[in-house]
Amino acid sequence: MTYLIDAWLDRPHPYLRILNRETGTVCVTLEEQALEELRELGDLDLASLNSSEPLVLKELLRNLFLFCFARALRPNADNEAPRF
């Protein structure tokens, strides 16, 4: 399965989506709060988003998916749940 990263980070309310490249289905949506948390953790590297290296992009996707799953499992209901 191949994915497409659709990132709009330079807008007032940034978001990032991961889409299935073959079907266009949105797999994950990360909005402002989640993106800020990723930046604070050092897990969102803007250079990685601009990379054309398959291994760099694969690692970025892996980290984004893991972050979303971990965030969805948190017991604190105050957190914005990512949409799968």
PDB file of N, CA and C in Angstrom:
ATOM      1  N   MET A   1       0.846  -1.162   0.000  1.00  0.00           N
ATOM      2  CA  MET A   1       0.000   0.000   0.000  1.00  0.00           C
ATOM      3  C   MET A   1       0.898   1.234   0.000  1.00  0.00           C
ATOM      4  N   THR A   2       0.558   2.215  -0.808  1.00  0.00           N
ATOM      5  CA  THR A   2       1.317   3.454  -0.849  1.00  0.00           C
ATOM      6  C   THR A   2       0.462   4.596  -0.321  1.00  0.00           C
ATOM      7  N   TYR A   3       1.134   5.594   0.234  1.00  0.00           N
ATOM      8  CA  TYR A   3       0.446   6.709   0.877  1.00  0.00           C
ATOM      9  C   TYR A   3       0.896   8.034   0.293  1.00  0.00           C
ATOM     10  N   LEU A   4       0.056   9.030   0.473  1.00  0.00           N
ATOM     11  CA  LEU A   4       0.343  10.394   0.068  1.00  0.00           C
ATOM     12  C   LEU A   4       0.189  11.272   1.305  1.00  0.00           C
ATOM     13  N   ILE A   5       1.174  12.116   1.563  1.00  0.00           N
ATOM     14  CA  ILE A   5       1.092  13.051   2.687  1.00  0.00           C
ATOM     15  C   ILE A   5       0.609  14.383   2.139  1.00  0.00           C
ATOM     16  N   ASP A   6      -0.524  14.831   2.622  1.00  0.00           N
ATOM     17  CA  ASP A   6      -1.133  16.106   2.237  1.00  0.00           C
ATOM     18  C   ASP A   6      -1.002  17.028   3.448  1.00  0.00           C
ATOM     19  N   ALA A   7       0.018  17.904   3.428  1.00  0.00           N
ATOM     20  CA  ALA A   7       0.307  18.744   4.593  1.00  0.00           C
ATOM     21  C   ALA A   7       0.121  20.215   4.240  1.00  0.00           C
ATOM     22  N   TRP A   8      -0.685  20.890   5.042  1.00  0.00           N
ATOM     23  CA  TRP A   8      -0.903  22.329   4.911  1.00  0.00           C
ATOM     24  C   TRP A   8      -0.514  22.953   6.248  1.00  0.00           C
ATOM     25  N   LEU A   9       0.756  23.243   6.397  1.00  0.00           N
ATOM     26  CA  LEU A   9       1.282  23.686   7.688  1.00  0.00           C
ATOM     27  C   LEU A   9       1.457  25.195   7.787  1.00  0.00           C
ATOM     28  N   ASP A  10       1.362  25.910   6.687  1.00  0.00           N
ATOM     29  CA  ASP A  10       1.589  27.350   6.695  1.00  0.00           C
ATOM     30  C   ASP A  10       0.296  28.162   6.649  1.00  0.00           C
ATOM     31  N   ARG A  11      -0.763  27.616   7.181  1.00  0.00           N
ATOM     32  CA  ARG A  11      -2.047  28.308   7.214  1.00  0.00           C
ATOM     33  C   ARG A  11      -2.448  28.569   8.655  1.00  0.00           C
ATOM     34  N   PRO A  12      -3.448  29.424   8.893  1.00  0.00           N
ATOM     35  CA  PRO A  12      -3.843  29.742  10.275  1.00  0.00           C
ATOM     36  C   PRO A  12      -4.219  28.508  11.107  1.00  0.00           C
ATOM     37  N   HIS A  13      -4.866  27.541  10.502  1.00  0.00           N
ATOM     38  CA  HIS A  13      -5.230  26.294  11.180  1.00  0.00           C
ATOM     39  C   HIS A  13      -4.624  25.136  10.378  1.00  0.00           C
ATOM     40  N   PRO A  14      -3.354  24.817  10.659  1.00  0.00           N
ATOM     41  CA  PRO A  14      -2.659  23.794   9.863  1.00  0.00           C
ATOM     42  C   PRO A  14      -3.239  22.402  10.072  1.00  0.00           C
ATOM     43  N   TYR A  15      -3.046  21.562   9.071  1.00  0.00           N
ATOM     44  CA  TYR A  15      -3.429  20.162   9.200  1.00  0.00           C
ATOM     45  C   TYR A  15      -2.536  19.315   8.308  1.00  0.00           C
ATOM     46  N   LEU A  16      -2.525  18.044   8.600  1.00  0.00           N
ATOM     47  CA  LEU A  16      -1.779  17.063   7.821  1.00  0.00           C
ATOM     48  C   LEU A  16      -2.665  15.844   7.671  1.00  0.00           C
ATOM     49  N   ARG A  17      -2.746  15.337   6.459  1.00  0.00           N
ATOM     50  CA  ARG A  17      -3.523  14.126   6.208  1.00  0.00           C
ATOM     51  C   ARG A  17      -2.636  13.097   5.543  1.00  0.00           C
ATOM     52  N   ILE A  18      -2.904  11.846   5.832  1.00  0.00           N
ATOM     53  CA  ILE A  18      -2.268  10.738   5.138  1.00  0.00           C
ATOM     54  C   ILE A  18      -3.368  10.038   4.360  1.00  0.00           C
ATOM     55  N   LEU A  19      -3.172   9.952   3.054  1.00  0.00           N
ATOM     56  CA  LEU A  19      -4.169   9.356   2.175  1.00  0.00           C
ATOM     57  C   LEU A  19      -3.621   8.093   1.525  1.00  0.00           C
ATOM     58  N   ASN A  20      -4.511   7.141   1.295  1.00  0.00           N
ATOM     59  CA  ASN A  20      -4.168   5.972   0.500  1.00  0.00           C
ATOM     60  C   ASN A  20      -4.032   6.454  -0.945  1.00  0.00           C
ATOM     61  N   ARG A  21      -2.850   6.307  -1.510  1.00  0.00           N
ATOM     62  CA  ARG A  21      -2.588   6.847  -2.851  1.00  0.00           C
ATOM     63  C   ARG A  21      -3.474   6.199  -3.919  1.00  0.00           C
ATOM     64  N   GLU A  22      -3.811   4.938  -3.752  1.00  0.00           N
ATOM     65  CA  GLU A  22      -4.586   4.220  -4.766  1.00  0.00           C
ATOM     66  C   GLU A  22      -6.064   4.590  -4.748  1.00  0.00           C
ATOM     67  N   THR A  23      -6.633   4.801  -3.556  1.00  0.00           N
ATOM     68  CA  THR A  23      -8.071   5.054  -3.451  1.00  0.00           C
ATOM     69  C   THR A  23      -8.417   6.495  -3.101  1.00  0.00           C
ATOM     70  N   GLY A  24      -7.454   7.247  -2.570  1.00  0.00           N
ATOM     71  CA  GLY A  24      -7.725   8.610  -2.134  1.00  0.00           C
ATOM     72  C   GLY A  24      -8.371   8.684  -0.766  1.00  0.00           C
ATOM     73  N   THR A  25      -8.568   7.536  -0.127  1.00  0.00           N
ATOM     74  CA  THR A  25      -9.180   7.489   1.194  1.00  0.00           C
ATOM     75  C   THR A  25      -8.253   8.118   2.228  1.00  0.00           C
ATOM     76  N   VAL A  26      -8.825   8.966   3.088  1.00  0.00           N
ATOM     77  CA  VAL A  26      -8.047   9.592   4.158  1.00  0.00           C
ATOM     78  C   VAL A  26      -7.843   8.562   5.264  1.00  0.00           C
ATOM     79  N   CYS A  27      -6.591   8.259   5.568  1.00  0.00           N
ATOM     80  CA  CYS A  27      -6.260   7.294   6.617  1.00  0.00           C
ATOM     81  C   CYS A  27      -6.142   7.983   7.970  1.00  0.00           C
ATOM     82  N   VAL A  28      -5.545   9.175   7.985  1.00  0.00           N
ATOM     83  CA  VAL A  28      -5.289   9.909   9.224  1.00  0.00           C
ATOM     84  C   VAL A  28      -5.405  11.404   8.942  1.00  0.00           C
ATOM     85  N   THR A  29      -5.983  12.127   9.886  1.00  0.00           N
ATOM     86  CA  THR A  29      -5.980  13.583   9.847  1.00  0.00           C
ATOM     87  C   THR A  29      -5.433  14.090  11.169  1.00  0.00           C
ATOM     88  N   LEU A  30      -4.408  14.914  11.084  1.00  0.00           N
ATOM     89  CA  LEU A  30      -3.837  15.557  12.267  1.00  0.00           C
ATOM     90  C   LEU A  30      -4.069  17.054  12.132  1.00  0.00           C
ATOM     91  N   GLU A  31      -4.672  17.635  13.153  1.00  0.00           N
ATOM     92  CA  GLU A  31      -4.958  19.055  13.102  1.00  0.00           C
ATOM     93  C   GLU A  31      -4.017  19.811  14.026  1.00  0.00           C
ATOM     94  N   GLU A  32      -4.277  21.075  14.206  1.00  0.00           N
ATOM     95  CA  GLU A  32      -3.370  22.017  14.859  1.00  0.00           C
ATOM     96  C   GLU A  32      -2.784  21.526  16.180  1.00  0.00           C
ATOM     97  N   GLN A  33      -3.617  21.054  17.074  1.00  0.00           N
ATOM     98  CA  GLN A  33      -3.155  20.623  18.400  1.00  0.00           C
ATOM     99  C   GLN A  33      -2.190  19.432  18.302  1.00  0.00           C
ATOM    100  N   ALA A  34      -2.525  18.465  17.495  1.00  0.00           N
ATOM    101  CA  ALA A  34      -1.673  17.283  17.327  1.00  0.00           C
ATOM    102  C   ALA A  34      -0.363  17.654  16.645  1.00  0.00           C
ATOM    103  N   LEU A  35      -0.413  18.539  15.656  1.00  0.00           N
ATOM    104  CA  LEU A  35       0.809  18.961  14.978  1.00  0.00           C
ATOM    105  C   LEU A  35       1.740  19.713  15.922  1.00  0.00           C
ATOM    106  N   GLU A  36       1.167  20.543  16.787  1.00  0.00           N
ATOM    107  CA  GLU A  36       1.974  21.255  17.777  1.00  0.00           C
ATOM    108  C   GLU A  36       2.645  20.269  18.730  1.00  0.00           C
ATOM    109  N   GLU A  37       1.904  19.251  19.147  1.00  0.00           N
ATOM    110  CA  GLU A  37       2.478  18.222  20.018  1.00  0.00           C
ATOM    111  C   GLU A  37       3.618  17.487  19.318  1.00  0.00           C
ATOM    112  N   LEU A  38       3.441  17.163  18.049  1.00  0.00           N
ATOM    113  CA  LEU A  38       4.500  16.503  17.284  1.00  0.00           C
ATOM    114  C   LEU A  38       5.743  17.379  17.185  1.00  0.00           C
ATOM    115  N   ARG A  39       5.536  18.683  16.960  1.00  0.00           N
ATOM    116  CA  ARG A  39       6.675  19.611  16.895  1.00  0.00           C
ATOM    117  C   ARG A  39       7.406  19.663  18.227  1.00  0.00           C
ATOM    118  N   GLU A  40       6.639  19.749  19.320  1.00  0.00           N
ATOM    119  CA  GLU A  40       7.242  19.815  20.649  1.00  0.00           C
ATOM    120  C   GLU A  40       8.044  18.555  20.963  1.00  0.00           C
ATOM    121  N   LEU A  41       7.565  17.414  20.503  1.00  0.00           N
ATOM    122  CA  LEU A  41       8.263  16.150  20.722  1.00  0.00           C
ATOM    123  C   LEU A  41       9.462  15.979  19.791  1.00  0.00           C
ATOM    124  N   GLY A  42       9.552  16.831  18.782  1.00  0.00           N
ATOM    125  CA  GLY A  42      10.627  16.710  17.810  1.00  0.00           C
ATOM    126  C   GLY A  42      10.375  15.641  16.769  1.00  0.00           C
ATOM    127  N   ASP A  43       9.131  15.185  16.657  1.00  0.00           N
ATOM    128  CA  ASP A  43       8.794  14.109  15.723  1.00  0.00           C
ATOM    129  C   ASP A  43       8.257  14.605  14.382  1.00  0.00           C
ATOM    130  N   LEU A  44       8.111  15.919  14.239  1.00  0.00           N
ATOM    131  CA  LEU A  44       7.663  16.468  12.958  1.00  0.00           C
ATOM    132  C   LEU A  44       8.791  17.321  12.403  1.00  0.00           C
ATOM    133  N   ASP A  45       9.482  16.767  11.439  1.00  0.00           N
ATOM    134  CA  ASP A  45      10.613  17.423  10.806  1.00  0.00           C
ATOM    135  C   ASP A  45      10.176  17.901   9.430  1.00  0.00           C
ATOM    136  N   LEU A  46      10.150  19.217   9.242  1.00  0.00           N
ATOM    137  CA  LEU A  46       9.688  19.761   7.970  1.00  0.00           C
ATOM    138  C   LEU A  46      10.579  19.332   6.810  1.00  0.00           C
ATOM    139  N   ALA A  47      11.858  19.135   7.057  1.00  0.00           N
ATOM    140  CA  ALA A  47      12.754  18.662   6.004  1.00  0.00           C
ATOM    141  C   ALA A  47      12.345  17.269   5.524  1.00  0.00           C
ATOM    142  N   SER A  48      11.864  16.442   6.448  1.00  0.00           N
ATOM    143  CA  SER A  48      11.419  15.097   6.068  1.00  0.00           C
ATOM    144  C   SER A  48      10.208  15.157   5.142  1.00  0.00           C
ATOM    145  N   LEU A  49       9.330  16.120   5.379  1.00  0.00           N
ATOM    146  CA  LEU A  49       8.146  16.257   4.522  1.00  0.00           C
ATOM    147  C   LEU A  49       8.522  16.629   3.091  1.00  0.00           C
ATOM    148  N   ASN A  50       9.631  17.324   2.926  1.00  0.00           N
ATOM    149  CA  ASN A  50      10.071  17.745   1.594  1.00  0.00           C
ATOM    150  C   ASN A  50      11.010  16.741   0.937  1.00  0.00           C
ATOM    151  N   SER A  51      11.338  15.691   1.627  1.00  0.00           N
ATOM    152  CA  SER A  51      12.291  14.708   1.114  1.00  0.00           C
ATOM    153  C   SER A  51      11.673  13.865  -0.006  1.00  0.00           C
ATOM    154  N   SER A  52      12.535  13.438  -0.899  1.00  0.00           N
ATOM    155  CA  SER A  52      12.097  12.490  -1.928  1.00  0.00           C
ATOM    156  C   SER A  52      12.737  11.121  -1.701  1.00  0.00           C
ATOM    157  N   GLU A  53      13.435  10.973  -0.592  1.00  0.00           N
ATOM    158  CA  GLU A  53      14.075   9.708  -0.238  1.00  0.00           C
ATOM    159  C   GLU A  53      13.036   8.736   0.323  1.00  0.00           C
ATOM    160  N   PRO A  54      12.850   7.581  -0.296  1.00  0.00           N
ATOM    161  CA  PRO A  54      11.835   6.627   0.169  1.00  0.00           C
ATOM    162  C   PRO A  54      11.994   6.205   1.633  1.00  0.00           C
ATOM    163  N   LEU A  55      13.218   5.986   2.089  1.00  0.00           N
ATOM    164  CA  LEU A  55      13.415   5.553   3.479  1.00  0.00           C
ATOM    165  C   LEU A  55      13.050   6.651   4.473  1.00  0.00           C
ATOM    166  N   VAL A  56      13.335   7.898   4.133  1.00  0.00           N
ATOM    167  CA  VAL A  56      12.991   9.025   5.002  1.00  0.00           C
ATOM    168  C   VAL A  56      11.475   9.145   5.099  1.00  0.00           C
ATOM    169  N   LEU A  57      10.804   9.071   3.967  1.00  0.00           N
ATOM    170  CA  LEU A  57       9.341   9.179   3.954  1.00  0.00           C
ATOM    171  C   LEU A  57       8.679   7.996   4.654  1.00  0.00           C
ATOM    172  N   LYS A  58       9.240   6.820   4.460  1.00  0.00           N
ATOM    173  CA  LYS A  58       8.695   5.630   5.129  1.00  0.00           C
ATOM    174  C   LYS A  58       8.786   5.782   6.645  1.00  0.00           C
ATOM    175  N   GLU A  59       9.911   6.267   7.138  1.00  0.00           N
ATOM    176  CA  GLU A  59      10.095   6.477   8.574  1.00  0.00           C
ATOM    177  C   GLU A  59       9.148   7.562   9.094  1.00  0.00           C
ATOM    178  N   LEU A  60       8.963   8.624   8.316  1.00  0.00           N
ATOM    179  CA  LEU A  60       8.037   9.684   8.705  1.00  0.00           C
ATOM    180  C   LEU A  60       6.615   9.151   8.812  1.00  0.00           C
ATOM    181  N   LEU A  61       6.176   8.399   7.819  1.00  0.00           N
ATOM    182  CA  LEU A  61       4.833   7.808   7.859  1.00  0.00           C
ATOM    183  C   LEU A  61       4.679   6.873   9.051  1.00  0.00           C
ATOM    184  N   ARG A  62       5.666   6.059   9.274  1.00  0.00           N
ATOM    185  CA  ARG A  62       5.634   5.142  10.419  1.00  0.00           C
ATOM    186  C   ARG A  62       5.456   5.915  11.720  1.00  0.00           C
ATOM    187  N   ASN A  63       6.244   6.980  11.891  1.00  0.00           N
ATOM    188  CA  ASN A  63       6.151   7.781  13.118  1.00  0.00           C
ATOM    189  C   ASN A  63       4.800   8.477  13.247  1.00  0.00           C
ATOM    190  N   LEU A  64       4.270   8.968  12.143  1.00  0.00           N
ATOM    191  CA  LEU A  64       2.961   9.628  12.194  1.00  0.00           C
ATOM    192  C   LEU A  64       1.856   8.639  12.564  1.00  0.00           C
ATOM    193  N   PHE A  65       1.878   7.455  11.961  1.00  0.00           N
ATOM    194  CA  PHE A  65       0.882   6.439  12.310  1.00  0.00           C
ATOM    195  C   PHE A  65       1.010   6.026  13.780  1.00  0.00           C
ATOM    196  N   LEU A  66       2.233   5.791  14.239  1.00  0.00           N
ATOM    197  CA  LEU A  66       2.432   5.408  15.641  1.00  0.00           C
ATOM    198  C   LEU A  66       1.954   6.495  16.593  1.00  0.00           C
ATOM    199  N   PHE A  67       2.231   7.745  16.267  1.00  0.00           N
ATOM    200  CA  PHE A  67       1.764   8.861  17.088  1.00  0.00           C
ATOM    201  C   PHE A  67       0.238   8.866  17.169  1.00  0.00           C
ATOM    202  N   CYS A  68      -0.412   8.674  16.034  1.00  0.00           N
ATOM    203  CA  CYS A  68      -1.884   8.682  16.005  1.00  0.00           C
ATOM    204  C   CYS A  68      -2.474   7.544  16.823  1.00  0.00           C
ATOM    205  N   PHE A  69      -1.909   6.360  16.684  1.00  0.00           N
ATOM    206  CA  PHE A  69      -2.422   5.228  17.450  1.00  0.00           C
ATOM    207  C   PHE A  69      -2.189   5.427  18.944  1.00  0.00           C
ATOM    208  N   ALA A  70      -1.009   5.908  19.315  1.00  0.00           N
ATOM    209  CA  ALA A  70      -0.713   6.161  20.729  1.00  0.00           C
ATOM    210  C   ALA A  70      -1.634   7.235  21.285  1.00  0.00           C
ATOM    211  N   ARG A  71      -1.889   8.255  20.520  1.00  0.00           N
ATOM    212  CA  ARG A  71      -2.763   9.357  20.965  1.00  0.00           C
ATOM    213  C   ARG A  71      -4.207   8.879  21.126  1.00  0.00           C
ATOM    214  N   ALA A  72      -4.639   8.001  20.243  1.00  0.00           N
ATOM    215  CA  ALA A  72      -6.004   7.480  20.315  1.00  0.00           C
ATOM    216  C   ALA A  72      -6.197   6.592  21.546  1.00  0.00           C
ATOM    217  N   LEU A  73      -5.127   5.988  22.040  1.00  0.00           N
ATOM    218  CA  LEU A  73      -5.221   5.090  23.190  1.00  0.00           C
ATOM    219  C   LEU A  73      -5.090   5.803  24.534  1.00  0.00           C
ATOM    220  N   ARG A  74      -4.786   7.081  24.524  1.00  0.00           N
ATOM    221  CA  ARG A  74      -4.639   7.827  25.775  1.00  0.00           C
ATOM    222  C   ARG A  74      -5.956   7.874  26.530  1.00  0.00           C
ATOM    223  N   PRO A  75      -5.891   7.710  27.842  1.00  0.00           N
ATOM    224  CA  PRO A  75      -7.122   7.757  28.634  1.00  0.00           C
ATOM    225  C   PRO A  75      -7.662   9.167  28.829  1.00  0.00           C
ATOM    226  N   ASN A  76      -6.836  10.200  28.645  1.00  0.00           N
ATOM    227  CA  ASN A  76      -7.258  11.569  28.854  1.00  0.00           C
ATOM    228  C   ASN A  76      -8.190  12.003  27.727  1.00  0.00           C
ATOM    229  N   ALA A  77      -9.426  12.298  28.045  1.00  0.00           N
ATOM    230  CA  ALA A  77     -10.426  12.651  27.052  1.00  0.00           C
ATOM    231  C   ALA A  77     -10.256  14.068  26.526  1.00  0.00           C
ATOM    232  N   ASP A  78      -9.376  14.866  27.144  1.00  0.00           N
ATOM    233  CA  ASP A  78      -9.157  16.246  26.699  1.00  0.00           C
ATOM    234  C   ASP A  78      -8.404  16.313  25.387  1.00  0.00           C
ATOM    235  N   ASN A  79      -7.718  15.256  25.019  1.00  0.00           N
ATOM    236  CA  ASN A  79      -6.924  15.244  23.804  1.00  0.00           C
ATOM    237  C   ASN A  79      -7.827  15.116  22.588  1.00  0.00           C
ATOM    238  N   GLU A  80      -7.429  15.833  21.560  1.00  0.00           N
ATOM    239  CA  GLU A  80      -8.143  15.734  20.287  1.00  0.00           C
ATOM    240  C   GLU A  80      -7.813  14.388  19.659  1.00  0.00           C
ATOM    241  N   ALA A  81      -8.805  13.577  19.422  1.00  0.00           N
ATOM    242  CA  ALA A  81      -8.573  12.250  18.857  1.00  0.00           C
ATOM    243  C   ALA A  81      -8.340  12.370  17.353  1.00  0.00           C
ATOM    244  N   PRO A  82      -7.302  11.740  16.843  1.00  0.00           N
ATOM    245  CA  PRO A  82      -7.088  11.744  15.401  1.00  0.00           C
ATOM    246  C   PRO A  82      -8.180  10.944  14.708  1.00  0.00           C
ATOM    247  N   ARG A  83      -8.472  11.310  13.482  1.00  0.00           N
ATOM    248  CA  ARG A  83      -9.508  10.601  12.730  1.00  0.00           C
ATOM    249  C   ARG A  83      -8.844   9.571  11.837  1.00  0.00           C
ATOM    250  N   PHE A  84      -9.320   8.328  11.944  1.00  0.00           N
ATOM    251  CA  PHE A  84      -8.807   7.252  11.100  1.00  0.00           C
ATOM    252  C   PHE A  84      -9.842   6.899  10.076  1.00  0.00           C
TER     253      PHE A  84
END
